[in-house]
Structure formats: C-alpha cells, structure tokens
Amino acid sequence: MSEARTCRVVAGDGLPLHVRCQGDPQAPTVVCVHGYPDDSTLWDGVAGLLRDRYHVVAYDVRGAGRSPAPRERNGYHLDRLAEDLLRVADTVSPDRPVHVLAHDWGSIQSWHAVTEEHAHHRFASFTSVSGPCLDHVAHWMRAQARGGLHARWELAVQRLLSGYIVFFHLRPLPELAWLTGIGGPVLSLLERVGEHEAPSHGRALRDLLNGLGLYRANVRERLRAPQERRTPVLVQVLAPAHDVFVTAAMQGAVRRWAPNSRVVRVPGGHWMPRARPEVVARHTIDLVSSVEAGRGVGG
C-alpha cells in the first residue's frame, strides 16, 4: 500500500490500531479487514486497483502487524474486534457509512459488526471473502446434521477442512509448530492450492502466535451457543472454488441471515486477495458502484 497516509485509532480498551489510508477522503470509503495470519499488507494489490475510485483504508487488527496485542485472551473476543472496526469506520468516515471488504478472520469479525443492530447504519455494503459468521456456521452445521445424505456429506467435508481449528486449541502444540518452523512450509503449501502462481509471503512469528487467540477466545463459545444474527446490510460473498478451509456450501448459506445478499463463485484459493487482487477488486467495484448508484445488490 504505497504512498499511504498512516494514523492510529484507539480501540475501546486503549489499544492503538495502525491504520493506512489511500485515495480521496471525500470518495466512498472502503475499509479492508485482514485475517489470520496476515496483516494489512494483504490488501496492497487490491488497494492499488481501488484507490483511484475510492478512499481505501486498511488496518492491522489487534495483535497483527503494527498493532499491539491485548494482554488477556478476552481481548480477542468478537465484541472487541467488531468495536475496533466501528472505531476505524467512525474515524476515517465519520459522516458516511463505509463499505467493508474482508477476508478470513477479518470477515468473521466484520460479520459480527454488520449483524449488530445498533451498527447497521454504519455500513453501506459488505464483501466477504472466505470467512463466515461463526454463529451462522453453528446454525448451518446443526441444520446439515439433521438433513439428508447430501447435507451430511457437505458437513463432513467442512469438518475435515476445519480440523486445524481443533489443533489450534491444543496448547502448546500450535505454538511449537510455529516456533520450530514446522508450520511455515505447511502454510506455504496451503497458500498455493488453487493458484498457478501464488506469491510467496512470509509471516511474522509474532502474528502467527498472537492470532491463535482469535480461535481460543471465540470458536467454542459461538458454536456452543449461537445467536440469530441478522443484517439488512447489502452483502456479497466471494466463495473461491479451491478454498482449503471454507466450503462453498457453507459460505453460500447466508440468505437466511442476510436477505440482501448474493454469493459469487470465483476461481482461486483461500488467499485470493493476495493471489488474485484483480478478481477481488472487480467484484468490490461492482457492488460499491451499484450501492452508490442506488441500485442495491443483485443476483
């Protein structure tokens, strides 16, 4: 994200979040939220394609990049993460709702924000890549378990792809995997799935370790007692064909909670914001342009 203006946004618990902005501040604002184990540089390619049209904002979520980590595990709770997004939105676009573009855990926390009733008015649209709402996941899994053979097969596939989440809860095994270097080659291999030329990108050990708190602070709680989280916000879900963590079946089951939504099957793997920025940018421009022109979401 070259030639970016930087600032700090203070979160509700006092953590300073590192924020980078590009483009005309008077243009519609697109806030980009990265996932694990990335930082805001995930969006550099996409931002380069959006900045001539929009005010593009990307921030390092707590514990990643240049943003400090919370002292306690509950500092990674989804309520805190959603509040961070709202703080950033209020700072960079105080008078207009923002368009959110998010990936992986960035999408998970953004879903939490856009389904907060008090915050609906702050969001003009939401484009989600490879990151469902955890409450929606829990409801989907229960419905699939009660369904027929095909539904149960889809559930079995998703559970297989989500097996790493169980591993991330087995302290200190995931920490040892990152500290010893075993996890790095595995991550690189997964990043190449579905991509002919996946760009190589190293991660900071600090980010790899800190981000485990996202799983430990949220997954069990949300899956055990899911809420009925709904939103009137216009939502676009980009579902990569070769995502190694999230099936298209699970990502596609959003209309129950987001009636103004569409699901778009796209080529590529899980890290398509980095590997295929032009695809993400094109669909983001399509939605944002439609919303700004008053046409809403189609499909």
C-alpha atoms as a PDB file:
ATOM      1  CA  MET A   1       0.000   0.000   0.000  1.00  0.00           C
ATOM      2  CA  SER A   2       2.461   2.614  -1.247  1.00  0.00           C
ATOM      3  CA  GLU A   3       2.106   6.338  -0.532  1.00  0.00           C
ATOM      4  CA  ALA A   4      -0.365   5.605   2.232  1.00  0.00           C
ATOM      5  CA  ARG A   5      -1.273   8.054   4.954  1.00  0.00           C
ATOM      6  CA  THR A   6      -0.993   6.460   8.376  1.00  0.00           C
ATOM      7  CA  CYS A   7      -2.721   7.143  11.648  1.00  0.00           C
ATOM      8  CA  ARG A   8      -3.593   5.485  14.939  1.00  0.00           C
ATOM      9  CA  VAL A   9      -7.121   4.709  16.057  1.00  0.00           C
ATOM     10  CA  VAL A  10      -7.507   3.992  19.760  1.00  0.00           C
ATOM     11  CA  ALA A  11      -9.704   0.976  20.468  1.00  0.00           C
ATOM     12  CA  GLY A  12     -12.242   0.882  23.273  1.00  0.00           C
ATOM     13  CA  ASP A  13      -9.803  -0.855  25.608  1.00  0.00           C
ATOM     14  CA  GLY A  14      -6.993   1.555  24.789  1.00  0.00           C
ATOM     15  CA  LEU A  15      -5.094  -0.441  22.163  1.00  0.00           C
ATOM     16  CA  PRO A  16      -3.765   1.765  19.329  1.00  0.00           C
ATOM     17  CA  LEU A  17      -4.625   0.305  15.922  1.00  0.00           C
ATOM     18  CA  HIS A  18      -2.311   1.045  12.993  1.00  0.00           C
ATOM     19  CA  VAL A  19      -4.353   2.384  10.048  1.00  0.00           C
ATOM     20  CA  ARG A  20      -3.275   3.164   6.468  1.00  0.00           C
ATOM     21  CA  CYS A  21      -5.331   5.223   4.018  1.00  0.00           C
ATOM     22  CA  GLN A  22      -5.114   5.864   0.275  1.00  0.00           C
ATOM     23  CA  GLY A  23      -7.210   7.771  -2.216  1.00  0.00           C
ATOM     24  CA  ASP A  24      -9.531  10.747  -1.913  1.00  0.00           C
ATOM     25  CA  PRO A  25     -11.030  11.036   1.601  1.00  0.00           C
ATOM     26  CA  GLN A  26     -14.134  12.586   0.017  1.00  0.00           C
ATOM     27  CA  ALA A  27     -14.778   9.462  -2.081  1.00  0.00           C
ATOM     28  CA  PRO A  28     -16.750   6.460  -0.778  1.00  0.00           C
ATOM     29  CA  THR A  29     -14.682   4.673   1.866  1.00  0.00           C
ATOM     30  CA  VAL A  30     -13.753   1.003   1.587  1.00  0.00           C
ATOM     31  CA  VAL A  31     -12.404  -0.435   4.852  1.00  0.00           C
ATOM     32  CA  CYS A  32     -10.308  -3.580   4.349  1.00  0.00           C
ATOM     33  CA  VAL A  33     -10.002  -6.080   7.216  1.00  0.00           C
ATOM     34  CA  HIS A  34      -7.418  -8.869   7.000  1.00  0.00           C
ATOM     35  CA  GLY A  35      -7.466 -12.296   8.621  1.00  0.00           C
ATOM     36  CA  TYR A  36      -5.049 -14.751  10.220  1.00  0.00           C
ATOM     37  CA  PRO A  37      -2.077 -14.954   9.976  1.00  0.00           C
ATOM     38  CA  ASP A  38      -1.857 -11.831   7.799  1.00  0.00           C
ATOM     39  CA  ASP A  39      -1.613  -8.106   8.334  1.00  0.00           C
ATOM     40  CA  SER A  40      -2.929  -5.140   6.362  1.00  0.00           C
ATOM     41  CA  THR A  41      -0.372  -5.681   3.584  1.00  0.00           C
ATOM     42  CA  LEU A  42      -2.645  -8.494   2.375  1.00  0.00           C
ATOM     43  CA  TRP A  43      -4.651  -5.740   0.679  1.00  0.00           C
ATOM     44  CA  ASP A  44      -1.805  -3.953  -1.120  1.00  0.00           C
ATOM     45  CA  GLY A  45      -2.660  -5.380  -4.541  1.00  0.00           C
ATOM     46  CA  VAL A  46      -6.399  -4.784  -4.161  1.00  0.00           C
ATOM     47  CA  ALA A  47      -5.869  -1.286  -2.772  1.00  0.00           C
ATOM     48  CA  GLY A  48      -3.746  -0.369  -5.757  1.00  0.00           C
ATOM     49  CA  LEU A  49      -6.707  -1.168  -8.005  1.00  0.00           C
ATOM     50  CA  LEU A  50      -9.289   0.661  -5.865  1.00  0.00           C
ATOM     51  CA  ARG A  51      -7.524   3.835  -4.755  1.00  0.00           C
ATOM     52  CA  ASP A  52      -8.268   5.851  -7.900  1.00  0.00           C
ATOM     53  CA  ARG A  53     -12.005   5.379  -7.279  1.00  0.00           C
ATOM     54  CA  TYR A  54     -12.342   5.157  -3.519  1.00  0.00           C
ATOM     55  CA  HIS A  55     -10.922   6.145  -0.168  1.00  0.00           C
ATOM     56  CA  VAL A  56      -9.232   2.843   0.715  1.00  0.00           C
ATOM     57  CA  VAL A  57      -8.467   2.099   4.366  1.00  0.00           C
ATOM     58  CA  ALA A  58      -6.652  -0.953   5.701  1.00  0.00           C
ATOM     59  CA  TYR A  59      -5.714  -1.529   9.312  1.00  0.00           C
ATOM     60  CA  ASP A  60      -3.688  -4.046  11.271  1.00  0.00           C
ATOM     61  CA  VAL A  61      -6.119  -5.856  13.548  1.00  0.00           C
ATOM     62  CA  ARG A  62      -5.143  -6.174  17.198  1.00  0.00           C
ATOM     63  CA  GLY A  63      -2.113  -8.401  17.655  1.00  0.00           C
ATOM     64  CA  ALA A  64      -1.057  -8.219  13.985  1.00  0.00           C
ATOM     65  CA  GLY A  65       1.344  -6.042  12.045  1.00  0.00           C
ATOM     66  CA  ARG A  66       1.976  -2.762  13.832  1.00  0.00           C
ATOM     67  CA  SER A  67      -0.999  -3.027  16.173  1.00  0.00           C
ATOM     68  CA  PRO A  68      -0.189  -4.295  19.688  1.00  0.00           C
ATOM     69  CA  ALA A  69      -1.749  -7.426  21.143  1.00  0.00           C
ATOM     70  CA  PRO A  70      -4.187  -7.388  24.059  1.00  0.00           C
ATOM     71  CA  ARG A  71      -2.857  -8.661  27.388  1.00  0.00           C
ATOM     72  CA  GLU A  72      -5.737 -11.078  28.022  1.00  0.00           C
ATOM     73  CA  ARG A  73      -7.339 -13.682  25.783  1.00  0.00           C
ATOM     74  CA  ASN A  74     -10.743 -11.996  26.027  1.00  0.00           C
ATOM     75  CA  GLY A  75      -9.139  -9.049  24.252  1.00  0.00           C
ATOM     76  CA  TYR A  76      -9.647 -11.080  21.084  1.00  0.00           C
ATOM     77  CA  HIS A  77     -13.369 -11.538  21.680  1.00  0.00           C
ATOM     78  CA  LEU A  78     -15.551 -10.798  18.675  1.00  0.00           C
ATOM     79  CA  ASP A  79     -17.287  -7.973  20.519  1.00  0.00           C
ATOM     80  CA  ARG A  80     -13.918  -6.226  20.837  1.00  0.00           C
ATOM     81  CA  LEU A  81     -12.985  -6.904  17.222  1.00  0.00           C
ATOM     82  CA  ALA A  82     -16.307  -5.574  15.955  1.00  0.00           C
ATOM     83  CA  GLU A  83     -15.887  -2.483  18.087  1.00  0.00           C
ATOM     84  CA  ASP A  84     -12.424  -1.966  16.548  1.00  0.00           C
ATOM     85  CA  LEU A  85     -13.952  -1.940  13.064  1.00  0.00           C
ATOM     86  CA  LEU A  86     -16.572   0.580  14.145  1.00  0.00           C
ATOM     87  CA  ARG A  87     -13.911   2.798  15.722  1.00  0.00           C
ATOM     88  CA  VAL A  88     -11.919   2.768  12.499  1.00  0.00           C
ATOM     89  CA  ALA A  89     -15.036   3.488  10.436  1.00  0.00           C
ATOM     90  CA  ASP A  90     -16.041   6.395  12.680  1.00  0.00           C
ATOM     91  CA  THR A  91     -12.543   7.853  12.417  1.00  0.00           C
ATOM     92  CA  VAL A  92     -11.981   7.599   8.658  1.00  0.00           C
ATOM     93  CA  SER A  93     -15.577   8.242   7.545  1.00  0.00           C
ATOM     94  CA  PRO A  94     -17.498   9.936  10.368  1.00  0.00           C
ATOM     95  CA  ASP A  95     -20.315  11.275   8.201  1.00  0.00           C
ATOM     96  CA  ARG A  96     -20.935   8.454   5.710  1.00  0.00           C
ATOM     97  CA  PRO A  97     -21.396   4.697   6.025  1.00  0.00           C
ATOM     98  CA  VAL A  98     -18.447   2.625   4.876  1.00  0.00           C
ATOM     99  CA  HIS A  99     -18.113  -0.316   2.520  1.00  0.00           C
ATOM    100  CA  VAL A 100     -16.328  -3.239   4.165  1.00  0.00           C
ATOM    101  CA  LEU A 101     -14.062  -5.671   2.303  1.00  0.00           C
ATOM    102  CA  ALA A 102     -12.817  -8.500   4.495  1.00  0.00           C
ATOM    103  CA  HIS A 103     -11.053 -11.856   4.358  1.00  0.00           C
ATOM    104  CA  ASP A 104     -10.821 -14.896   6.656  1.00  0.00           C
ATOM    105  CA  TRP A 105     -10.910 -13.746  10.304  1.00  0.00           C
ATOM    106  CA  GLY A 106     -11.380 -10.234   9.011  1.00  0.00           C
ATOM    107  CA  SER A 107     -14.662 -11.438   7.532  1.00  0.00           C
ATOM    108  CA  ILE A 108     -15.619 -13.271  10.715  1.00  0.00           C
ATOM    109  CA  GLN A 109     -15.237 -10.128  12.818  1.00  0.00           C
ATOM    110  CA  SER A 110     -16.890  -7.975  10.139  1.00  0.00           C
ATOM    111  CA  TRP A 111     -19.917 -10.282  10.091  1.00  0.00           C
ATOM    112  CA  HIS A 112     -20.122  -9.755  13.853  1.00  0.00           C
ATOM    113  CA  ALA A 113     -20.111  -5.982  13.320  1.00  0.00           C
ATOM    114  CA  VAL A 114     -22.642  -5.804  10.465  1.00  0.00           C
ATOM    115  CA  THR A 115     -25.061  -8.018  12.408  1.00  0.00           C
ATOM    116  CA  GLU A 116     -25.037  -5.673  15.412  1.00  0.00           C
ATOM    117  CA  GLU A 117     -28.398  -3.898  15.265  1.00  0.00           C
ATOM    118  CA  HIS A 118     -27.020  -0.630  16.613  1.00  0.00           C
ATOM    119  CA  ALA A 119     -24.350  -0.572  13.875  1.00  0.00           C
ATOM    120  CA  HIS A 120     -26.374  -1.367  10.745  1.00  0.00           C
ATOM    121  CA  HIS A 121     -26.447   2.275   9.665  1.00  0.00           C
ATOM    122  CA  ARG A 122     -22.628   2.493   9.609  1.00  0.00           C
ATOM    123  CA  PHE A 123     -22.254   0.013   6.746  1.00  0.00           C
ATOM    124  CA  ALA A 124     -23.144   0.654   3.108  1.00  0.00           C
ATOM    125  CA  SER A 125     -22.097  -2.818   1.943  1.00  0.00           C
ATOM    126  CA  PHE A 126     -20.009  -5.808   2.943  1.00  0.00           C
ATOM    127  CA  THR A 127     -17.909  -8.004   0.659  1.00  0.00           C
ATOM    128  CA  SER A 128     -16.776 -11.153   2.454  1.00  0.00           C
ATOM    129  CA  VAL A 129     -14.047 -13.476   1.184  1.00  0.00           C
ATOM    130  CA  SER A 130     -13.571 -16.883   2.836  1.00  0.00           C
ATOM    131  CA  GLY A 131     -14.861 -16.012   6.271  1.00  0.00           C
ATOM    132  CA  PRO A 132     -18.399 -16.770   7.515  1.00  0.00           C
ATOM    133  CA  CYS A 133     -20.136 -15.582  10.672  1.00  0.00           C
ATOM    134  CA  LEU A 134     -19.381 -18.120  13.429  1.00  0.00           C
ATOM    135  CA  ASP A 135     -22.991 -18.029  14.653  1.00  0.00           C
ATOM    136  CA  HIS A 136     -24.211 -18.767  11.136  1.00  0.00           C
ATOM    137  CA  VAL A 137     -21.719 -21.630  10.923  1.00  0.00           C
ATOM    138  CA  ALA A 138     -23.131 -23.197  14.079  1.00  0.00           C
ATOM    139  CA  HIS A 139     -26.700 -22.966  12.807  1.00  0.00           C
ATOM    140  CA  TRP A 140     -25.662 -24.355   9.413  1.00  0.00           C
ATOM    141  CA  MET A 141     -23.858 -27.309  10.977  1.00  0.00           C
ATOM    142  CA  ARG A 142     -26.881 -28.217  13.090  1.00  0.00           C
ATOM    143  CA  ALA A 143     -29.196 -27.995  10.084  1.00  0.00           C
ATOM    144  CA  GLN A 144     -26.856 -30.133   7.978  1.00  0.00           C
ATOM    145  CA  ALA A 145     -26.678 -32.780  10.702  1.00  0.00           C
ATOM    146  CA  ARG A 146     -30.475 -33.055  10.578  1.00  0.00           C
ATOM    147  CA  GLY A 147     -30.583 -33.193   6.773  1.00  0.00           C
ATOM    148  CA  GLY A 148     -30.298 -35.934   4.221  1.00  0.00           C
ATOM    149  CA  LEU A 149     -27.272 -37.805   2.940  1.00  0.00           C
ATOM    150  CA  HIS A 150     -26.017 -34.935   0.773  1.00  0.00           C
ATOM    151  CA  ALA A 151     -26.300 -32.420   3.607  1.00  0.00           C
ATOM    152  CA  ARG A 152     -24.438 -34.694   5.992  1.00  0.00           C
ATOM    153  CA  TRP A 153     -21.729 -35.231   3.364  1.00  0.00           C
ATOM    154  CA  GLU A 154     -21.283 -31.460   3.000  1.00  0.00           C
ATOM    155  CA  LEU A 155     -20.994 -31.224   6.769  1.00  0.00           C
ATOM    156  CA  ALA A 156     -18.399 -33.999   6.884  1.00  0.00           C
ATOM    157  CA  VAL A 157     -16.281 -32.235   4.248  1.00  0.00           C
ATOM    158  CA  GLN A 158     -16.414 -28.954   6.148  1.00  0.00           C
ATOM    159  CA  ARG A 159     -15.496 -30.650   9.418  1.00  0.00           C
ATOM    160  CA  LEU A 160     -12.496 -32.214   7.717  1.00  0.00           C
ATOM    161  CA  LEU A 161     -11.344 -28.858   6.363  1.00  0.00           C
ATOM    162  CA  SER A 162     -11.827 -27.291   9.798  1.00  0.00           C
ATOM    163  CA  GLY A 163      -9.721 -29.880  11.610  1.00  0.00           C
ATOM    164  CA  TYR A 164      -6.878 -27.400  12.072  1.00  0.00           C
ATOM    165  CA  ILE A 165      -9.100 -25.402  14.439  1.00  0.00           C
ATOM    166  CA  VAL A 166      -9.055 -28.283  16.917  1.00  0.00           C
ATOM    167  CA  PHE A 167      -5.265 -28.338  16.649  1.00  0.00           C
ATOM    168  CA  PHE A 168      -5.091 -24.593  17.345  1.00  0.00           C
ATOM    169  CA  HIS A 169      -6.778 -25.236  20.704  1.00  0.00           C
ATOM    170  CA  LEU A 170      -4.185 -27.837  21.775  1.00  0.00           C
ATOM    171  CA  ARG A 171      -1.800 -25.521  23.582  1.00  0.00           C
ATOM    172  CA  PRO A 172       1.241 -25.589  23.271  1.00  0.00           C
ATOM    173  CA  LEU A 173       1.324 -27.715  20.083  1.00  0.00           C
ATOM    174  CA  PRO A 174       0.483 -24.947  17.590  1.00  0.00           C
ATOM    175  CA  GLU A 175       2.951 -22.623  19.310  1.00  0.00           C
ATOM    176  CA  LEU A 176       5.641 -25.276  18.929  1.00  0.00           C
ATOM    177  CA  ALA A 177       4.754 -25.759  15.263  1.00  0.00           C
ATOM    178  CA  TRP A 178       5.360 -22.058  14.573  1.00  0.00           C
ATOM    179  CA  LEU A 179       8.398 -21.731  16.846  1.00  0.00           C
ATOM    180  CA  THR A 180      10.191 -24.747  15.360  1.00  0.00           C
ATOM    181  CA  GLY A 181       9.439 -23.745  11.776  1.00  0.00           C
ATOM    182  CA  ILE A 182       7.356 -26.833  11.026  1.00  0.00           C
ATOM    183  CA  GLY A 183       4.218 -24.819  10.358  1.00  0.00           C
ATOM    184  CA  GLY A 184       5.759 -22.453   7.798  1.00  0.00           C
ATOM    185  CA  PRO A 185       6.140 -24.926   4.900  1.00  0.00           C
ATOM    186  CA  VAL A 186       2.642 -26.284   5.543  1.00  0.00           C
ATOM    187  CA  LEU A 187       1.213 -22.764   5.346  1.00  0.00           C
ATOM    188  CA  SER A 188       3.121 -22.094   2.118  1.00  0.00           C
ATOM    189  CA  LEU A 189       1.779 -25.319   0.593  1.00  0.00           C
ATOM    190  CA  LEU A 190      -1.826 -24.459   1.504  1.00  0.00           C
ATOM    191  CA  GLU A 191      -1.373 -20.992   0.049  1.00  0.00           C
ATOM    192  CA  ARG A 192      -0.579 -22.486  -3.356  1.00  0.00           C
ATOM    193  CA  VAL A 193      -3.738 -24.611  -3.581  1.00  0.00           C
ATOM    194  CA  GLY A 194      -5.880 -23.371  -6.450  1.00  0.00           C
ATOM    195  CA  GLU A 195      -3.241 -20.951  -7.711  1.00  0.00           C
ATOM    196  CA  HIS A 196      -0.867 -21.392 -10.648  1.00  0.00           C
ATOM    197  CA  GLU A 197       1.450 -18.716  -9.301  1.00  0.00           C
ATOM    198  CA  ALA A 198       0.871 -17.985  -5.624  1.00  0.00           C
ATOM    199  CA  PRO A 199       3.073 -15.094  -4.473  1.00  0.00           C
ATOM    200  CA  SER A 200       5.423 -16.019  -1.656  1.00  0.00           C
ATOM    201  CA  HIS A 201       4.748 -14.122   1.539  1.00  0.00           C
ATOM    202  CA  GLY A 202       6.377 -14.630   4.910  1.00  0.00           C
ATOM    203  CA  ARG A 203       4.581 -14.013   8.176  1.00  0.00           C
ATOM    204  CA  ALA A 204       5.946 -12.535  11.371  1.00  0.00           C
ATOM    205  CA  LEU A 205       6.297 -15.079  14.159  1.00  0.00           C
ATOM    206  CA  ARG A 206       4.568 -12.606  16.474  1.00  0.00           C
ATOM    207  CA  ASP A 207       1.489 -12.559  14.229  1.00  0.00           C
ATOM    208  CA  LEU A 208       1.415 -16.348  13.955  1.00  0.00           C
ATOM    209  CA  LEU A 209       1.452 -16.734  17.734  1.00  0.00           C
ATOM    210  CA  ASN A 210      -0.823 -13.846  18.681  1.00  0.00           C
ATOM    211  CA  GLY A 211      -3.553 -14.795  16.224  1.00  0.00           C
ATOM    212  CA  LEU A 212      -4.153 -18.136  17.919  1.00  0.00           C
ATOM    213  CA  GLY A 213      -6.083 -16.082  20.466  1.00  0.00           C
ATOM    214  CA  LEU A 214      -8.766 -15.428  17.853  1.00  0.00           C
ATOM    215  CA  TYR A 215      -9.689 -19.110  17.807  1.00  0.00           C
ATOM    216  CA  ARG A 216      -9.392 -19.689  21.535  1.00  0.00           C
ATOM    217  CA  ALA A 217     -11.464 -16.666  22.525  1.00  0.00           C
ATOM    218  CA  ASN A 218     -14.365 -17.244  20.146  1.00  0.00           C
ATOM    219  CA  VAL A 219     -14.882 -20.557  18.373  1.00  0.00           C
ATOM    220  CA  ARG A 220     -16.126 -22.756  21.210  1.00  0.00           C
ATOM    221  CA  GLU A 221     -18.390 -20.053  22.611  1.00  0.00           C
ATOM    222  CA  ARG A 222     -20.055 -19.222  19.304  1.00  0.00           C
ATOM    223  CA  LEU A 223     -20.506 -22.837  18.204  1.00  0.00           C
ATOM    224  CA  ARG A 224     -21.886 -23.889  21.571  1.00  0.00           C
ATOM    225  CA  ALA A 225     -24.468 -21.105  21.909  1.00  0.00           C
ATOM    226  CA  PRO A 226     -25.039 -19.392  18.546  1.00  0.00           C
ATOM    227  CA  GLN A 227     -27.195 -16.312  18.242  1.00  0.00           C
ATOM    228  CA  GLU A 228     -29.628 -15.428  15.459  1.00  0.00           C
ATOM    229  CA  ARG A 229     -27.512 -12.656  13.970  1.00  0.00           C
ATOM    230  CA  ARG A 230     -29.156 -10.896  11.031  1.00  0.00           C
ATOM    231  CA  THR A 231     -28.387  -7.843   8.934  1.00  0.00           C
ATOM    232  CA  PRO A 232     -30.161  -5.660   6.366  1.00  0.00           C
ATOM    233  CA  VAL A 233     -26.760  -4.577   5.018  1.00  0.00           C
ATOM    234  CA  LEU A 234     -26.045  -5.419   1.385  1.00  0.00           C
ATOM    235  CA  VAL A 235     -23.709  -8.425   1.431  1.00  0.00           C
ATOM    236  CA  GLN A 236     -21.604 -10.042  -1.268  1.00  0.00           C
ATOM    237  CA  VAL A 237     -19.891 -13.347  -0.511  1.00  0.00           C
ATOM    238  CA  LEU A 238     -16.971 -14.329  -2.726  1.00  0.00           C
ATOM    239  CA  ALA A 239     -16.540 -18.114  -2.476  1.00  0.00           C
ATOM    240  CA  PRO A 240     -13.259 -19.372  -4.017  1.00  0.00           C
ATOM    241  CA  ALA A 241     -13.544 -22.654  -5.871  1.00  0.00           C
ATOM    242  CA  HIS A 242     -10.443 -24.138  -4.226  1.00  0.00           C
ATOM    243  CA  ASP A 243     -10.659 -22.782  -0.690  1.00  0.00           C
ATOM    244  CA  VAL A 244      -8.893 -25.260   1.593  1.00  0.00           C
ATOM    245  CA  PHE A 245     -10.662 -24.076   4.747  1.00  0.00           C
ATOM    246  CA  VAL A 246     -14.214 -22.993   3.897  1.00  0.00           C
ATOM    247  CA  THR A 247     -16.548 -24.876   1.561  1.00  0.00           C
ATOM    248  CA  ALA A 248     -18.749 -23.050  -0.919  1.00  0.00           C
ATOM    249  CA  ALA A 249     -21.742 -24.885   0.591  1.00  0.00           C
ATOM    250  CA  MET A 250     -21.223 -23.293   3.984  1.00  0.00           C
ATOM    251  CA  GLN A 251     -20.391 -19.857   2.589  1.00  0.00           C
ATOM    252  CA  GLY A 252     -23.477 -19.954   0.417  1.00  0.00           C
ATOM    253  CA  ALA A 253     -25.957 -20.405   3.250  1.00  0.00           C
ATOM    254  CA  VAL A 254     -26.238 -16.711   4.125  1.00  0.00           C
ATOM    255  CA  ARG A 255     -29.590 -15.547   2.784  1.00  0.00           C
ATOM    256  CA  ARG A 256     -31.408 -16.654   5.940  1.00  0.00           C
ATOM    257  CA  TRP A 257     -29.482 -14.041   7.926  1.00  0.00           C
ATOM    258  CA  ALA A 258     -28.651 -11.548   5.170  1.00  0.00           C
ATOM    259  CA  PRO A 259     -31.651 -11.315   2.830  1.00  0.00           C
ATOM    260  CA  ASN A 260     -29.964  -8.587   0.759  1.00  0.00           C
ATOM    261  CA  SER A 261     -27.091 -10.807  -0.286  1.00  0.00           C
ATOM    262  CA  ARG A 262     -25.549 -12.620  -3.197  1.00  0.00           C
ATOM    263  CA  VAL A 263     -22.979 -15.412  -3.378  1.00  0.00           C
ATOM    264  CA  VAL A 264     -20.437 -15.340  -6.194  1.00  0.00           C
ATOM    265  CA  ARG A 265     -18.355 -18.421  -7.014  1.00  0.00           C
ATOM    266  CA  VAL A 266     -14.905 -17.280  -8.055  1.00  0.00           C
ATOM    267  CA  PRO A 267     -11.737 -19.081  -9.180  1.00  0.00           C
ATOM    268  CA  GLY A 268      -8.749 -19.411  -6.900  1.00  0.00           C
ATOM    269  CA  GLY A 269      -7.784 -20.489  -3.427  1.00  0.00           C
ATOM    270  CA  HIS A 270      -8.186 -19.197   0.100  1.00  0.00           C
ATOM    271  CA  TRP A 271      -5.724 -16.290  -0.180  1.00  0.00           C
ATOM    272  CA  MET A 272      -7.173 -14.803  -3.353  1.00  0.00           C
ATOM    273  CA  PRO A 273      -6.926 -11.167  -2.126  1.00  0.00           C
ATOM    274  CA  ARG A 274      -3.161 -11.586  -2.500  1.00  0.00           C
ATOM    275  CA  ALA A 275      -3.059 -14.106  -5.373  1.00  0.00           C
ATOM    276  CA  ARG A 276      -5.901 -12.629  -7.474  1.00  0.00           C
ATOM    277  CA  PRO A 277      -6.349  -8.992  -6.433  1.00  0.00           C
ATOM    278  CA  GLU A 278      -7.933  -8.111  -9.766  1.00  0.00           C
ATOM    279  CA  VAL A 279     -10.807 -10.556  -9.129  1.00  0.00           C
ATOM    280  CA  VAL A 280     -11.481  -9.187  -5.650  1.00  0.00           C
ATOM    281  CA  ALA A 281     -11.212  -5.593  -6.869  1.00  0.00           C
ATOM    282  CA  ARG A 282     -13.568  -6.176  -9.808  1.00  0.00           C
ATOM    283  CA  HIS A 283     -16.339  -7.637  -7.670  1.00  0.00           C
ATOM    284  CA  THR A 284     -15.846  -4.991  -4.987  1.00  0.00           C
ATOM    285  CA  ILE A 285     -16.129  -2.202  -7.551  1.00  0.00           C
ATOM    286  CA  ASP A 286     -19.248  -3.842  -8.958  1.00  0.00           C
ATOM    287  CA  LEU A 287     -21.004  -3.876  -5.597  1.00  0.00           C
ATOM    288  CA  VAL A 288     -19.812  -0.490  -4.347  1.00  0.00           C
ATOM    289  CA  SER A 289     -20.720   1.188  -7.633  1.00  0.00           C
ATOM    290  CA  SER A 290     -24.193  -0.365  -7.544  1.00  0.00           C
ATOM    291  CA  VAL A 291     -24.780   0.730  -3.970  1.00  0.00           C
ATOM    292  CA  GLU A 292     -23.528   4.266  -4.576  1.00  0.00           C
ATOM    293  CA  ALA A 293     -25.777   4.490  -7.632  1.00  0.00           C
ATOM    294  CA  GLY A 294     -28.740   3.295  -5.570  1.00  0.00           C
ATOM    295  CA  ARG A 295     -29.187   0.001  -7.410  1.00  0.00           C
ATOM    296  CA  GLY A 296     -28.565  -2.326  -4.458  1.00  0.00           C
ATOM    297  CA  VAL A 297     -27.344  -5.894  -4.698  1.00  0.00           C
ATOM    298  CA  GLY A 298     -28.413  -8.216  -7.484  1.00  0.00           C
ATOM    299  CA  GLY A 299     -28.126 -11.913  -8.154  1.00  0.00           C
END
